[in-house]
Each structure stands twice: as C-alpha cells, then as structure tokens.
N, C-alpha and C. Protein backbone atom coordinates (compact mmCIF):
# COMPACT_ATOMS: atom_id res chain seq x y z
N UNK A 1 27.91 42.32 111.52
CA UNK A 1 26.65 41.83 111.04
C UNK A 1 25.83 41.21 112.16
N UNK A 2 26.52 40.58 113.09
CA UNK A 2 25.80 39.90 114.16
C UNK A 2 25.84 40.65 115.49
N UNK A 3 26.71 41.65 115.59
CA UNK A 3 26.81 42.35 116.88
C UNK A 3 27.00 43.84 116.67
N UNK A 4 26.85 44.59 117.69
CA UNK A 4 27.03 46.03 117.64
C UNK A 4 25.75 46.76 117.31
N UNK A 5 25.90 48.11 117.18
CA UNK A 5 24.73 48.96 116.92
C UNK A 5 24.14 48.72 115.54
N UNK A 6 24.98 48.34 114.57
CA UNK A 6 24.51 48.15 113.19
C UNK A 6 24.30 46.68 112.84
N UNK A 7 23.93 45.87 113.77
CA UNK A 7 23.74 44.44 113.52
C UNK A 7 22.63 44.21 112.50
N UNK A 8 22.90 43.40 111.53
CA UNK A 8 21.94 43.10 110.48
C UNK A 8 21.00 41.99 110.94
N UNK A 9 21.54 41.08 111.70
CA UNK A 9 20.77 39.92 112.14
C UNK A 9 20.64 39.94 113.65
N UNK A 10 19.61 39.37 114.14
CA UNK A 10 19.54 39.11 115.58
C UNK A 10 19.61 37.59 115.76
N UNK A 11 20.03 37.15 116.87
CA UNK A 11 20.22 35.72 117.11
C UNK A 11 19.02 35.12 117.83
N UNK A 12 18.73 33.92 117.44
CA UNK A 12 17.74 33.12 118.15
C UNK A 12 18.41 31.80 118.50
N UNK A 13 18.59 31.57 119.76
CA UNK A 13 19.29 30.36 120.22
C UNK A 13 20.68 30.23 119.59
N UNK A 14 21.35 31.37 119.40
CA UNK A 14 22.71 31.38 118.85
C UNK A 14 22.77 31.25 117.34
N UNK A 15 21.62 31.20 116.68
CA UNK A 15 21.58 31.04 115.23
C UNK A 15 20.88 32.22 114.57
N UNK A 16 21.21 32.47 113.32
CA UNK A 16 20.53 33.50 112.54
C UNK A 16 19.25 32.89 112.02
N UNK A 17 18.11 33.54 112.22
CA UNK A 17 16.84 33.00 111.70
C UNK A 17 16.88 32.88 110.17
N UNK A 18 16.31 31.82 109.67
CA UNK A 18 16.35 31.53 108.23
C UNK A 18 15.75 32.65 107.40
N UNK A 19 14.63 33.23 107.83
CA UNK A 19 13.99 34.27 107.03
C UNK A 19 14.89 35.51 106.91
N UNK A 20 15.68 35.82 107.96
CA UNK A 20 16.60 36.96 107.89
C UNK A 20 17.77 36.65 106.95
N UNK A 21 18.30 35.45 107.06
CA UNK A 21 19.41 35.07 106.19
C UNK A 21 18.97 35.07 104.73
N UNK A 22 17.77 34.58 104.47
CA UNK A 22 17.26 34.52 103.11
C UNK A 22 17.07 35.93 102.54
N UNK A 23 16.50 36.83 103.34
CA UNK A 23 16.30 38.21 102.89
C UNK A 23 17.64 38.87 102.57
N UNK A 24 18.65 38.63 103.43
CA UNK A 24 19.96 39.21 103.20
C UNK A 24 20.58 38.65 101.92
N UNK A 25 20.49 37.34 101.71
CA UNK A 25 21.04 36.72 100.51
C UNK A 25 20.37 37.23 99.24
N UNK A 26 19.06 37.40 99.27
CA UNK A 26 18.34 37.86 98.08
C UNK A 26 18.74 39.26 97.67
N UNK A 27 19.31 40.03 98.58
CA UNK A 27 19.79 41.37 98.26
C UNK A 27 21.18 41.39 97.65
N UNK A 28 21.83 40.27 97.56
CA UNK A 28 23.19 40.18 97.01
C UNK A 28 23.13 39.90 95.51
N UNK A 29 24.02 40.54 94.74
CA UNK A 29 24.06 40.32 93.29
C UNK A 29 24.50 38.91 92.92
N UNK A 30 25.30 38.32 93.75
CA UNK A 30 25.84 37.00 93.43
C UNK A 30 24.96 35.84 93.91
N UNK A 31 23.78 36.15 94.42
CA UNK A 31 22.90 35.10 94.94
C UNK A 31 21.96 34.60 93.86
N UNK A 32 21.88 33.30 93.74
CA UNK A 32 20.93 32.66 92.84
C UNK A 32 20.08 31.73 93.68
N UNK A 33 18.78 31.92 93.67
CA UNK A 33 17.92 31.09 94.52
C UNK A 33 17.93 29.63 94.08
N UNK A 34 17.74 28.76 95.03
CA UNK A 34 17.67 27.33 94.74
C UNK A 34 16.40 27.03 93.96
N UNK A 35 16.52 26.14 93.01
CA UNK A 35 15.34 25.83 92.20
C UNK A 35 14.46 24.77 92.84
N UNK A 36 14.96 24.11 93.86
CA UNK A 36 14.17 23.03 94.45
C UNK A 36 12.89 23.54 95.08
N UNK A 37 12.88 24.81 95.51
CA UNK A 37 11.66 25.34 96.13
C UNK A 37 10.62 25.72 95.09
N UNK A 38 11.05 26.08 93.91
CA UNK A 38 10.10 26.49 92.89
C UNK A 38 9.86 25.41 91.85
N UNK A 39 10.47 24.28 92.04
CA UNK A 39 10.32 23.20 91.06
C UNK A 39 8.88 22.71 91.00
N UNK A 40 8.45 22.47 89.78
CA UNK A 40 7.11 21.92 89.59
C UNK A 40 7.12 20.45 89.95
N UNK A 41 6.00 19.95 90.40
CA UNK A 41 5.97 18.52 90.70
C UNK A 41 6.23 17.70 89.44
N UNK A 42 6.92 16.63 89.60
CA UNK A 42 7.24 15.76 88.48
C UNK A 42 5.97 15.10 87.99
N UNK A 43 5.75 15.22 86.70
CA UNK A 43 4.59 14.56 86.12
C UNK A 43 5.06 13.23 85.57
N UNK A 44 4.46 12.21 86.04
CA UNK A 44 4.87 10.90 85.57
C UNK A 44 4.13 10.60 84.27
N UNK A 45 4.92 10.42 83.23
CA UNK A 45 4.34 10.08 81.94
C UNK A 45 3.92 8.62 81.96
N UNK A 46 2.98 8.32 81.12
CA UNK A 46 2.56 6.93 81.02
C UNK A 46 3.72 6.12 80.46
N UNK A 47 4.05 5.07 81.12
CA UNK A 47 5.17 4.25 80.71
C UNK A 47 4.66 3.13 79.81
N UNK A 48 5.22 3.10 78.61
CA UNK A 48 4.87 2.04 77.67
C UNK A 48 5.95 0.98 77.77
N UNK A 49 5.56 -0.17 78.13
CA UNK A 49 6.52 -1.26 78.27
C UNK A 49 6.33 -2.22 77.11
N UNK A 50 7.40 -2.48 76.42
CA UNK A 50 7.37 -3.41 75.30
C UNK A 50 8.10 -4.66 75.73
N UNK A 51 7.42 -5.76 75.70
CA UNK A 51 8.02 -7.02 76.10
C UNK A 51 8.37 -7.84 74.87
N UNK A 52 9.57 -8.33 74.84
CA UNK A 52 9.98 -9.24 73.78
C UNK A 52 9.66 -10.65 74.23
N UNK A 53 9.01 -11.36 73.36
CA UNK A 53 8.81 -12.77 73.64
C UNK A 53 10.04 -13.49 73.09
N UNK A 54 10.65 -14.30 73.89
CA UNK A 54 11.90 -14.98 73.53
C UNK A 54 12.96 -13.98 73.05
N UNK A 55 13.36 -13.04 73.90
CA UNK A 55 14.37 -12.06 73.48
C UNK A 55 15.72 -12.72 73.25
N UNK A 56 16.48 -12.11 72.38
CA UNK A 56 17.82 -12.59 72.08
C UNK A 56 18.71 -11.36 71.95
N UNK A 57 19.91 -11.45 72.49
CA UNK A 57 20.87 -10.35 72.39
C UNK A 57 21.90 -10.71 71.33
N UNK A 58 22.06 -9.80 70.36
CA UNK A 58 23.02 -10.02 69.28
C UNK A 58 24.00 -8.85 69.24
N UNK A 59 25.23 -9.10 68.78
CA UNK A 59 26.19 -8.00 68.69
C UNK A 59 25.80 -7.05 67.57
N UNK A 60 26.07 -5.76 67.80
CA UNK A 60 25.77 -4.73 66.82
C UNK A 60 27.05 -3.95 66.52
N UNK A 61 27.34 -3.75 65.25
CA UNK A 61 28.53 -3.02 64.82
C UNK A 61 28.27 -1.52 64.82
N UNK A 62 29.32 -0.75 64.67
CA UNK A 62 29.23 0.72 64.67
C UNK A 62 28.27 1.23 63.60
N UNK A 63 28.20 0.55 62.46
CA UNK A 63 27.33 0.99 61.37
C UNK A 63 25.87 0.58 61.57
N UNK A 64 25.57 -0.08 62.69
CA UNK A 64 24.20 -0.48 62.99
C UNK A 64 23.86 -1.90 62.56
N UNK A 65 24.75 -2.54 61.80
CA UNK A 65 24.47 -3.91 61.37
C UNK A 65 24.61 -4.86 62.56
N UNK A 66 23.85 -5.94 62.50
CA UNK A 66 23.86 -6.92 63.58
C UNK A 66 24.21 -8.29 63.02
N UNK A 67 24.58 -9.19 63.91
CA UNK A 67 24.80 -10.58 63.54
C UNK A 67 23.42 -11.24 63.47
N UNK A 68 23.10 -11.83 62.30
CA UNK A 68 21.77 -12.43 62.13
C UNK A 68 21.87 -13.64 61.19
N UNK A 69 20.81 -14.45 61.12
CA UNK A 69 20.84 -15.69 60.32
C UNK A 69 21.07 -15.46 58.82
N UNK A 70 20.78 -14.28 58.31
CA UNK A 70 20.97 -14.01 56.88
C UNK A 70 22.42 -13.92 56.46
N UNK A 71 23.34 -13.99 57.41
CA UNK A 71 24.77 -13.91 57.09
C UNK A 71 25.38 -15.28 56.81
N UNK A 72 24.54 -16.30 56.79
CA UNK A 72 25.04 -17.65 56.54
C UNK A 72 25.51 -17.78 55.09
N UNK A 73 26.67 -18.40 54.94
CA UNK A 73 27.22 -18.68 53.61
C UNK A 73 27.26 -20.19 53.42
N UNK A 74 27.86 -20.62 52.35
CA UNK A 74 27.91 -22.06 52.03
C UNK A 74 28.45 -22.89 53.19
N UNK A 75 29.48 -22.40 53.87
CA UNK A 75 30.11 -23.16 54.95
C UNK A 75 29.63 -22.73 56.33
N UNK A 76 28.58 -21.99 56.40
CA UNK A 76 28.06 -21.52 57.69
C UNK A 76 28.38 -20.05 57.91
N UNK A 77 28.70 -19.71 59.12
CA UNK A 77 28.98 -18.32 59.51
C UNK A 77 30.47 -18.15 59.77
N UNK A 78 31.02 -17.04 59.31
CA UNK A 78 32.43 -16.76 59.55
C UNK A 78 32.53 -15.75 60.68
N UNK A 79 33.19 -16.14 61.74
CA UNK A 79 33.34 -15.23 62.88
C UNK A 79 34.80 -15.19 63.32
N UNK A 80 35.15 -14.17 64.07
CA UNK A 80 36.50 -14.01 64.57
C UNK A 80 37.22 -12.85 63.92
N UNK A 81 38.29 -12.40 64.57
CA UNK A 81 39.12 -11.31 64.05
C UNK A 81 39.85 -11.77 62.78
N UNK A 82 40.24 -10.80 61.97
CA UNK A 82 40.97 -11.11 60.74
C UNK A 82 42.23 -11.92 61.08
N UNK A 83 42.40 -13.00 60.33
CA UNK A 83 43.53 -13.88 60.56
C UNK A 83 43.25 -14.97 61.58
N UNK A 84 42.19 -14.82 62.35
CA UNK A 84 41.83 -15.84 63.35
C UNK A 84 40.36 -16.22 63.18
N UNK A 85 39.92 -16.20 61.94
CA UNK A 85 38.52 -16.50 61.65
C UNK A 85 38.28 -18.01 61.63
N UNK A 86 37.06 -18.36 61.91
CA UNK A 86 36.67 -19.77 61.80
C UNK A 86 35.20 -19.85 61.44
N UNK A 87 34.80 -21.02 60.97
CA UNK A 87 33.43 -21.25 60.53
C UNK A 87 32.65 -21.97 61.62
N UNK A 88 31.40 -21.60 61.74
CA UNK A 88 30.47 -22.33 62.62
C UNK A 88 29.27 -22.72 61.76
N UNK A 89 28.71 -23.89 62.00
CA UNK A 89 27.66 -24.41 61.12
C UNK A 89 26.32 -23.70 61.21
N UNK A 90 25.95 -23.20 62.38
CA UNK A 90 24.62 -22.57 62.45
C UNK A 90 24.65 -21.30 63.31
N UNK A 91 23.56 -20.56 63.22
CA UNK A 91 23.47 -19.25 63.86
C UNK A 91 23.67 -19.32 65.37
N UNK A 92 23.01 -20.25 66.02
CA UNK A 92 23.12 -20.34 67.48
C UNK A 92 24.54 -20.63 67.93
N UNK A 93 25.24 -21.50 67.20
CA UNK A 93 26.64 -21.77 67.53
C UNK A 93 27.49 -20.50 67.35
N UNK A 94 27.23 -19.79 66.26
CA UNK A 94 27.96 -18.54 66.01
C UNK A 94 27.72 -17.52 67.09
N UNK A 95 26.48 -17.38 67.50
CA UNK A 95 26.15 -16.41 68.55
C UNK A 95 26.82 -16.80 69.86
N UNK A 96 26.83 -18.08 70.16
CA UNK A 96 27.49 -18.56 71.38
C UNK A 96 28.99 -18.21 71.36
N UNK A 97 29.62 -18.41 70.22
CA UNK A 97 31.05 -18.08 70.09
C UNK A 97 31.28 -16.58 70.22
N UNK A 98 30.43 -15.78 69.61
CA UNK A 98 30.57 -14.32 69.69
C UNK A 98 30.42 -13.83 71.13
N UNK A 99 29.55 -14.48 71.88
CA UNK A 99 29.31 -14.06 73.27
C UNK A 99 30.52 -14.25 74.16
N UNK A 100 31.39 -15.18 73.85
CA UNK A 100 32.56 -15.41 74.70
C UNK A 100 33.80 -14.66 74.21
N UNK A 101 33.71 -14.00 73.07
CA UNK A 101 34.85 -13.23 72.56
C UNK A 101 34.96 -11.91 73.33
N UNK A 102 36.19 -11.44 73.58
CA UNK A 102 36.34 -10.12 74.21
C UNK A 102 35.67 -9.02 73.38
N UNK A 103 35.87 -9.08 72.06
CA UNK A 103 35.21 -8.17 71.12
C UNK A 103 34.66 -9.04 70.00
N UNK A 104 33.33 -9.13 69.90
CA UNK A 104 32.76 -9.99 68.85
C UNK A 104 33.09 -9.45 67.46
N UNK A 105 33.44 -10.35 66.55
CA UNK A 105 33.74 -9.96 65.17
C UNK A 105 33.17 -11.02 64.24
N UNK A 106 32.61 -10.57 63.13
CA UNK A 106 32.00 -11.50 62.17
C UNK A 106 32.06 -10.89 60.78
N UNK A 107 31.92 -11.74 59.79
CA UNK A 107 31.89 -11.27 58.40
C UNK A 107 30.46 -11.03 57.96
N UNK A 108 30.33 -9.96 57.18
CA UNK A 108 29.04 -9.64 56.58
C UNK A 108 29.31 -8.93 55.27
N UNK A 109 28.31 -8.88 54.37
CA UNK A 109 28.53 -8.20 53.08
C UNK A 109 28.88 -6.73 53.31
N UNK A 110 29.87 -6.26 52.58
CA UNK A 110 30.25 -4.85 52.68
C UNK A 110 29.31 -4.03 51.82
N UNK A 111 28.56 -3.11 52.42
CA UNK A 111 27.59 -2.34 51.64
C UNK A 111 28.28 -1.48 50.57
N UNK A 112 27.80 -1.62 49.34
CA UNK A 112 28.28 -0.79 48.25
C UNK A 112 29.64 -1.18 47.68
N UNK A 113 30.36 -2.10 48.32
CA UNK A 113 31.69 -2.45 47.83
C UNK A 113 31.78 -3.86 47.30
N UNK A 114 30.78 -4.65 47.57
CA UNK A 114 30.87 -6.05 47.18
C UNK A 114 31.83 -6.77 48.12
N UNK A 115 31.77 -8.06 48.11
CA UNK A 115 32.65 -8.82 48.99
C UNK A 115 32.16 -8.78 50.43
N UNK A 116 32.84 -9.52 51.26
CA UNK A 116 32.47 -9.63 52.67
C UNK A 116 33.59 -9.06 53.52
N UNK A 117 33.23 -8.21 54.46
CA UNK A 117 34.21 -7.62 55.36
C UNK A 117 33.93 -8.00 56.80
N UNK A 118 34.93 -7.80 57.63
CA UNK A 118 34.78 -8.10 59.06
C UNK A 118 34.31 -6.84 59.78
N UNK A 119 33.32 -7.00 60.63
CA UNK A 119 32.89 -5.90 61.50
C UNK A 119 33.06 -6.36 62.94
N UNK A 120 33.22 -5.38 63.81
CA UNK A 120 33.37 -5.66 65.24
C UNK A 120 32.17 -5.10 65.98
N UNK A 121 31.67 -5.88 66.91
CA UNK A 121 30.55 -5.43 67.71
C UNK A 121 30.98 -4.39 68.74
N UNK A 122 30.19 -3.33 68.88
CA UNK A 122 30.48 -2.32 69.90
C UNK A 122 29.46 -2.35 71.02
N UNK A 123 28.34 -3.02 70.78
CA UNK A 123 27.30 -3.14 71.80
C UNK A 123 26.48 -4.39 71.50
N UNK A 124 25.58 -4.69 72.39
CA UNK A 124 24.65 -5.80 72.20
C UNK A 124 23.26 -5.22 72.15
N UNK A 125 22.46 -5.70 71.22
CA UNK A 125 21.11 -5.18 71.10
C UNK A 125 20.11 -6.32 71.25
N UNK A 126 18.98 -5.98 71.86
CA UNK A 126 17.94 -6.98 72.12
C UNK A 126 16.96 -6.99 70.96
N UNK A 127 16.73 -8.15 70.42
CA UNK A 127 15.77 -8.33 69.33
C UNK A 127 14.97 -9.60 69.61
N UNK A 128 13.98 -9.84 68.78
CA UNK A 128 13.27 -11.11 68.89
C UNK A 128 13.49 -11.90 67.60
N UNK A 129 13.04 -13.12 67.58
CA UNK A 129 13.31 -13.98 66.44
C UNK A 129 12.65 -13.47 65.17
N UNK A 130 11.49 -12.82 65.29
CA UNK A 130 10.83 -12.27 64.09
C UNK A 130 11.70 -11.19 63.45
N UNK A 131 12.29 -10.32 64.29
CA UNK A 131 13.16 -9.27 63.76
C UNK A 131 14.38 -9.87 63.07
N UNK A 132 14.96 -10.89 63.70
CA UNK A 132 16.12 -11.54 63.09
C UNK A 132 15.75 -12.15 61.75
N UNK A 133 14.60 -12.79 61.68
CA UNK A 133 14.15 -13.40 60.44
C UNK A 133 13.92 -12.33 59.37
N UNK A 134 13.32 -11.22 59.76
CA UNK A 134 13.06 -10.13 58.82
C UNK A 134 14.38 -9.57 58.27
N UNK A 135 15.36 -9.36 59.15
CA UNK A 135 16.66 -8.86 58.72
C UNK A 135 17.35 -9.85 57.79
N UNK A 136 17.25 -11.13 58.13
CA UNK A 136 17.88 -12.16 57.31
C UNK A 136 17.28 -12.16 55.90
N UNK A 137 15.95 -12.13 55.81
CA UNK A 137 15.30 -12.14 54.49
C UNK A 137 15.66 -10.89 53.70
N UNK A 138 15.67 -9.75 54.36
CA UNK A 138 16.01 -8.49 53.71
C UNK A 138 17.44 -8.53 53.18
N UNK A 139 18.34 -9.03 53.99
CA UNK A 139 19.75 -9.13 53.60
C UNK A 139 19.93 -10.07 52.41
N UNK A 140 19.24 -11.20 52.44
CA UNK A 140 19.37 -12.16 51.34
C UNK A 140 18.79 -11.59 50.05
N UNK A 141 17.69 -10.86 50.13
CA UNK A 141 17.11 -10.24 48.94
C UNK A 141 18.05 -9.19 48.37
N UNK A 142 18.64 -8.39 49.23
CA UNK A 142 19.57 -7.35 48.80
C UNK A 142 20.81 -7.99 48.15
N UNK A 143 21.31 -9.05 48.74
CA UNK A 143 22.48 -9.75 48.20
C UNK A 143 22.15 -10.33 46.83
N UNK A 144 20.95 -10.89 46.70
CA UNK A 144 20.53 -11.48 45.42
C UNK A 144 20.47 -10.40 44.34
N UNK A 145 19.90 -9.23 44.67
CA UNK A 145 19.83 -8.13 43.71
C UNK A 145 21.22 -7.65 43.32
N UNK A 146 22.11 -7.57 44.29
CA UNK A 146 23.48 -7.12 44.02
C UNK A 146 24.19 -8.10 43.10
N UNK A 147 24.03 -9.40 43.38
CA UNK A 147 24.67 -10.42 42.54
C UNK A 147 24.11 -10.38 41.12
N UNK A 148 22.79 -10.15 40.98
CA UNK A 148 22.18 -10.08 39.66
C UNK A 148 22.70 -8.88 38.88
N UNK A 149 22.85 -7.74 39.56
CA UNK A 149 23.35 -6.55 38.85
C UNK A 149 24.82 -6.71 38.48
N UNK A 150 25.59 -7.43 39.29
CA UNK A 150 26.99 -7.71 38.95
C UNK A 150 27.06 -8.64 37.75
N UNK A 151 26.14 -9.60 37.66
CA UNK A 151 26.10 -10.52 36.52
C UNK A 151 25.75 -9.76 35.24
N UNK A 152 24.87 -8.75 35.34
CA UNK A 152 24.47 -7.96 34.18
C UNK A 152 25.64 -7.12 33.66
N UNK A 153 26.53 -6.71 34.56
CA UNK A 153 27.67 -5.87 34.17
C UNK A 153 28.74 -6.65 33.41
N UNK A 154 28.73 -7.97 33.57
CA UNK A 154 29.78 -8.80 32.96
C UNK A 154 29.45 -9.14 31.54
C-alpha cells in the first residue's frame, strides 16, 4: 500500500496525507464516518430557572410520598425503622432526625388500607414551605374523609 509499483498512498514527510487516507477509508464497507464533522451546532435552549424561596429538602418514599407537617398525630411525628420508632414533637425536629438516619423512615397513612405504615426514603426532594403546607392540608382532608366513611360503615 505504501511502496512498490501499486502503492495506494504516497508519503509526505513520512506520513500518509489525510485526504488520501480518508478517501481509502470511505471505500471500505466497514467504515463509518465520524459524526463530529457533520454535527449540527448545538442550539442552546432558553433555560428556565426556578428558584425556591426558603427551600427545604424532605425525604421521599418509593411511592412518591414525602415527609410533611400533615403527618402529625396526637403525640407528634413517628419516625424510625419498625421496632425502633420514636416520637418527635414537631416537624422540624422530625426532619432533623430523619436527616441523620442512614435510611430515613417515618409513619404515614397507608393509602387504601387504613392505618399507618412505615415508609423508607429513597431520595430527598426539594420543596418550599407552601408546597409542604399544601400537602399537609390535602393529607388532612383526605384522612378526615376516610375517617368519616369508616364511621358511616359502622
């Protein structure tokens, strides 16, 4: 390829010229051209930035439920793994305790089954206080409706 009567390439300073190598490669069945040369310029989309005022990170369970103020019961919030649960008087104390646990765990109403079950956090999600308040009110309204329908069944 590089020497003799049937040389495909000629040398320039001991190297095969790029245009000759490229032409030879393009004639091969196993050659796929690089896409970087034909790539379109990256179009930068307008970036929408949403800022949380007073952001708070709360644990989120696999089912999407989060630890929020609406989970307060008569004795406060129940947190911890089954068998090692304890009560904390307010939301901020509960959140502080959950943050230092290897895997955060807390009790919340079990959807559709009644009673309270333990869930484990798999991630932390950023919310603001308005969202937490909205979730708490929604949860309390749902719990109230559930309790009323259970009372009607008795």
